[in-house]
Every structure is written in structure tokens, then in C-alpha cells.
């Protein structure tokens, strides 16, 4: 089972990521960050399939939301890929990355 499972070509839903601190295993406080980017790449890390801005969910300090647009999942081929979330503060003095996430894209059954 992958960390993220999506159907190729589907859109209109939200995918929420809850971020935990690696040091404490508690929910992370992301309020010091202003930019959140999801990158999905091939497993050999050569091809970038998607670079997408995420938003901090209103009322939360640790949940990021991917509002899946029509072009997002269409650009990712069926198969297994790698993803990572990059978080940067406004002054670009703090940059954090999550561990790699596995992404499984399945074909849509008609």
C-alpha cells in the first residue's frame, strides 16, 4: 500500500496531509512556513510529474491540503512514484522537507 493513492484523471477532491515532527512524533506546527509545495517524481527521481502548491487547512497548524485540479492527476502516469512536501518560510531562511512518500496512481475503470 502506498502513502498516497489516487486515480489517474480524477479531480475535484481534496487530499489532506497531516505533518508530524520527526523529532517528537507530535503534530508539527507549520505556522512559521508560508509556502508548501508537493512534488511528485518518478522513482528514479529524474522526471518531475507534478509540482503543486498546498495550503494550510484553516483552523489547523499541521494539516496541508492539496485541492486536486483537473490537470493534476492527468499528468502523472499510472504506476508508483515518489513525493515530497517542501516547506519554506517567508524570509526563505527556514526550509524543511518531509521524508519521501510513495504515490500509487491507478487507472480509472470505465
C-alpha atoms as a PDB file:
ATOM      1  CA  UNK A   1       0.000   0.000   0.000  1.00  0.00           C
ATOM      2  CA  UNK A   2       1.267   3.482  -0.889  1.00  0.00           C
ATOM      3  CA  UNK A   3       1.256   6.593   1.287  1.00  0.00           C
ATOM      4  CA  UNK A   4      -0.807   8.392  -1.379  1.00  0.00           C
ATOM      5  CA  UNK A   5      -3.212   6.597  -3.702  1.00  0.00           C
ATOM      6  CA  UNK A   6      -5.000   8.452  -6.496  1.00  0.00           C
ATOM      7  CA  UNK A   7      -6.868   7.603  -9.676  1.00  0.00           C
ATOM      8  CA  UNK A   8      -5.445   8.967 -12.927  1.00  0.00           C
ATOM      9  CA  UNK A   9      -7.593  11.737 -14.381  1.00  0.00           C
ATOM     10  CA  UNK A  10      -9.831  12.231 -11.342  1.00  0.00           C
ATOM     11  CA  UNK A  11     -10.115  15.667  -9.766  1.00  0.00           C
ATOM     12  CA  UNK A  12     -12.320  17.875  -7.624  1.00  0.00           C
ATOM     13  CA  UNK A  13     -11.430  16.368  -4.257  1.00  0.00           C
ATOM     14  CA  UNK A  14      -9.080  17.473  -1.518  1.00  0.00           C
ATOM     15  CA  UNK A  15      -6.190  15.335  -0.296  1.00  0.00           C
ATOM     16  CA  UNK A  16      -5.060  16.261   3.209  1.00  0.00           C
ATOM     17  CA  UNK A  17      -1.584  15.583   4.597  1.00  0.00           C
ATOM     18  CA  UNK A  18      -1.052  15.620   8.364  1.00  0.00           C
ATOM     19  CA  UNK A  19       2.551  16.542   9.158  1.00  0.00           C
ATOM     20  CA  UNK A  20       4.273  15.224  12.275  1.00  0.00           C
ATOM     21  CA  UNK A  21       7.578  16.274  13.826  1.00  0.00           C
ATOM     22  CA  UNK A  22      10.261  13.655  13.205  1.00  0.00           C
ATOM     23  CA  UNK A  23      11.926  14.586  16.491  1.00  0.00           C
ATOM     24  CA  UNK A  24       8.919  14.394  18.808  1.00  0.00           C
ATOM     25  CA  UNK A  25       6.344  12.408  16.781  1.00  0.00           C
ATOM     26  CA  UNK A  26       3.825  15.096  17.785  1.00  0.00           C
ATOM     27  CA  UNK A  27       1.807  17.141  15.319  1.00  0.00           C
ATOM     28  CA  UNK A  28       4.084  19.694  13.650  1.00  0.00           C
ATOM     29  CA  UNK A  29       3.383  23.403  13.949  1.00  0.00           C
ATOM     30  CA  UNK A  30       3.599  24.760  10.391  1.00  0.00           C
ATOM     31  CA  UNK A  31       2.501  28.330  11.132  1.00  0.00           C
ATOM     32  CA  UNK A  32       6.040  29.689  10.610  1.00  0.00           C
ATOM     33  CA  UNK A  33       6.000  28.491   6.999  1.00  0.00           C
ATOM     34  CA  UNK A  34       4.312  30.378   4.165  1.00  0.00           C
ATOM     35  CA  UNK A  35       4.965  28.173   1.131  1.00  0.00           C
ATOM     36  CA  UNK A  36       4.108  24.489   0.866  1.00  0.00           C
ATOM     37  CA  UNK A  37       4.922  22.572  -2.312  1.00  0.00           C
ATOM     38  CA  UNK A  38       4.132  18.981  -3.232  1.00  0.00           C
ATOM     39  CA  UNK A  39       6.496  17.392  -5.761  1.00  0.00           C
ATOM     40  CA  UNK A  40       5.770  14.056  -7.378  1.00  0.00           C
ATOM     41  CA  UNK A  41       8.636  12.444  -9.305  1.00  0.00           C
ATOM     42  CA  UNK A  42       9.488   9.180 -10.968  1.00  0.00           C
ATOM     43  CA  UNK A  43      11.086   6.592  -8.683  1.00  0.00           C
ATOM     44  CA  UNK A  44      14.482   7.290 -10.264  1.00  0.00           C
ATOM     45  CA  UNK A  45      13.914  10.982  -9.343  1.00  0.00           C
ATOM     46  CA  UNK A  46      14.668  12.090 -12.926  1.00  0.00           C
ATOM     47  CA  UNK A  47      11.198  13.113 -14.126  1.00  0.00           C
ATOM     48  CA  UNK A  48       9.027  15.575 -12.233  1.00  0.00           C
ATOM     49  CA  UNK A  49       5.382  14.714 -12.872  1.00  0.00           C
ATOM     50  CA  UNK A  50       3.766  17.376 -10.676  1.00  0.00           C
ATOM     51  CA  UNK A  51       4.732  20.457  -8.701  1.00  0.00           C
ATOM     52  CA  UNK A  52       1.729  21.763  -6.792  1.00  0.00           C
ATOM     53  CA  UNK A  53       1.164  24.389  -4.102  1.00  0.00           C
ATOM     54  CA  UNK A  54      -0.551  23.179  -0.956  1.00  0.00           C
ATOM     55  CA  UNK A  55      -2.409  25.266   1.604  1.00  0.00           C
ATOM     56  CA  UNK A  56      -2.526  25.080   5.375  1.00  0.00           C
ATOM     57  CA  UNK A  57      -6.047  23.981   6.341  1.00  0.00           C
ATOM     58  CA  UNK A  58      -7.921  26.754   8.114  1.00  0.00           C
ATOM     59  CA  UNK A  59      -8.003  26.187  11.870  1.00  0.00           C
ATOM     60  CA  UNK A  60      -5.130  23.698  11.770  1.00  0.00           C
ATOM     61  CA  UNK A  61      -1.427  24.082  12.424  1.00  0.00           C
ATOM     62  CA  UNK A  62      -0.369  20.719  10.994  1.00  0.00           C
ATOM     63  CA  UNK A  63      -2.631  19.768   8.064  1.00  0.00           C
ATOM     64  CA  UNK A  64      -1.831  20.683   4.456  1.00  0.00           C
ATOM     65  CA  UNK A  65      -4.398  20.419   1.652  1.00  0.00           C
ATOM     66  CA  UNK A  66      -3.974  19.518  -1.992  1.00  0.00           C
ATOM     67  CA  UNK A  67      -7.025  20.749  -3.907  1.00  0.00           C
ATOM     68  CA  UNK A  68      -6.814  18.350  -6.860  1.00  0.00           C
ATOM     69  CA  UNK A  69      -7.342  20.231 -10.135  1.00  0.00           C
ATOM     70  CA  UNK A  70      -8.274  18.660 -13.475  1.00  0.00           C
ATOM     71  CA  UNK A  71      -4.741  18.742 -14.882  1.00  0.00           C
ATOM     72  CA  UNK A  72      -3.028  17.404 -11.728  1.00  0.00           C
ATOM     73  CA  UNK A  73      -3.676  13.682 -11.912  1.00  0.00           C
ATOM     74  CA  UNK A  74      -3.789  13.585 -15.707  1.00  0.00           C
ATOM     75  CA  UNK A  75      -0.086  14.457 -15.795  1.00  0.00           C
ATOM     76  CA  UNK A  76       1.007  11.542 -13.599  1.00  0.00           C
ATOM     77  CA  UNK A  77       1.360   8.156 -15.331  1.00  0.00           C
ATOM     78  CA  UNK A  78      -0.164   5.023 -13.858  1.00  0.00           C
ATOM     79  CA  UNK A  79       2.345   3.339 -11.560  1.00  0.00           C
ATOM     80  CA  UNK A  80       4.389   4.017  -8.441  1.00  0.00           C
ATOM     81  CA  UNK A  81       6.178   7.330  -7.867  1.00  0.00           C
ATOM     82  CA  UNK A  82       7.885   9.347  -5.127  1.00  0.00           C
ATOM     83  CA  UNK A  83       6.587  12.507  -3.488  1.00  0.00           C
ATOM     84  CA  UNK A  84       7.900  15.038  -1.026  1.00  0.00           C
ATOM     85  CA  UNK A  85       6.483  18.170   0.586  1.00  0.00           C
ATOM     86  CA  UNK A  86       8.766  21.201   0.804  1.00  0.00           C
ATOM     87  CA  UNK A  87       8.003  23.909   3.379  1.00  0.00           C
ATOM     88  CA  UNK A  88       9.634  27.350   3.277  1.00  0.00           C
ATOM     89  CA  UNK A  89       9.177  30.425   5.473  1.00  0.00           C
ATOM     90  CA  UNK A  90       8.506  33.917   4.109  1.00  0.00           C
ATOM     91  CA  UNK A  91      12.109  35.109   4.502  1.00  0.00           C
ATOM     92  CA  UNK A  92      13.420  31.888   2.901  1.00  0.00           C
ATOM     93  CA  UNK A  93      15.599  31.287   5.940  1.00  0.00           C
ATOM     94  CA  UNK A  94      13.933  28.042   7.019  1.00  0.00           C
ATOM     95  CA  UNK A  95      13.397  25.163   4.601  1.00  0.00           C
ATOM     96  CA  UNK A  96      12.093  21.745   5.618  1.00  0.00           C
ATOM     97  CA  UNK A  97      11.214  18.638   3.643  1.00  0.00           C
ATOM     98  CA  UNK A  98       9.176  15.615   4.573  1.00  0.00           C
ATOM     99  CA  UNK A  99      10.520  12.123   4.141  1.00  0.00           C
ATOM    100  CA  UNK A 100       9.753  10.549   0.769  1.00  0.00           C
ATOM    101  CA  UNK A 101       6.183   9.410   0.286  1.00  0.00           C
ATOM    102  CA  UNK A 102       5.169   6.628  -2.045  1.00  0.00           C
ATOM    103  CA  UNK A 103       2.490   7.536  -4.582  1.00  0.00           C
ATOM    104  CA  UNK A 104       0.422   4.954  -6.403  1.00  0.00           C
ATOM    105  CA  UNK A 105      -1.580   6.096  -9.405  1.00  0.00           C
ATOM    106  CA  UNK A 106      -4.172   3.641 -10.693  1.00  0.00           C
ATOM    107  CA  UNK A 107      -6.067   3.756 -13.959  1.00  0.00           C
ATOM    108  CA  UNK A 108      -9.706   4.706 -13.990  1.00  0.00           C
ATOM    109  CA  UNK A 109     -12.066   1.849 -14.747  1.00  0.00           C
ATOM    110  CA  UNK A 110     -14.722   2.874 -17.259  1.00  0.00           C
END
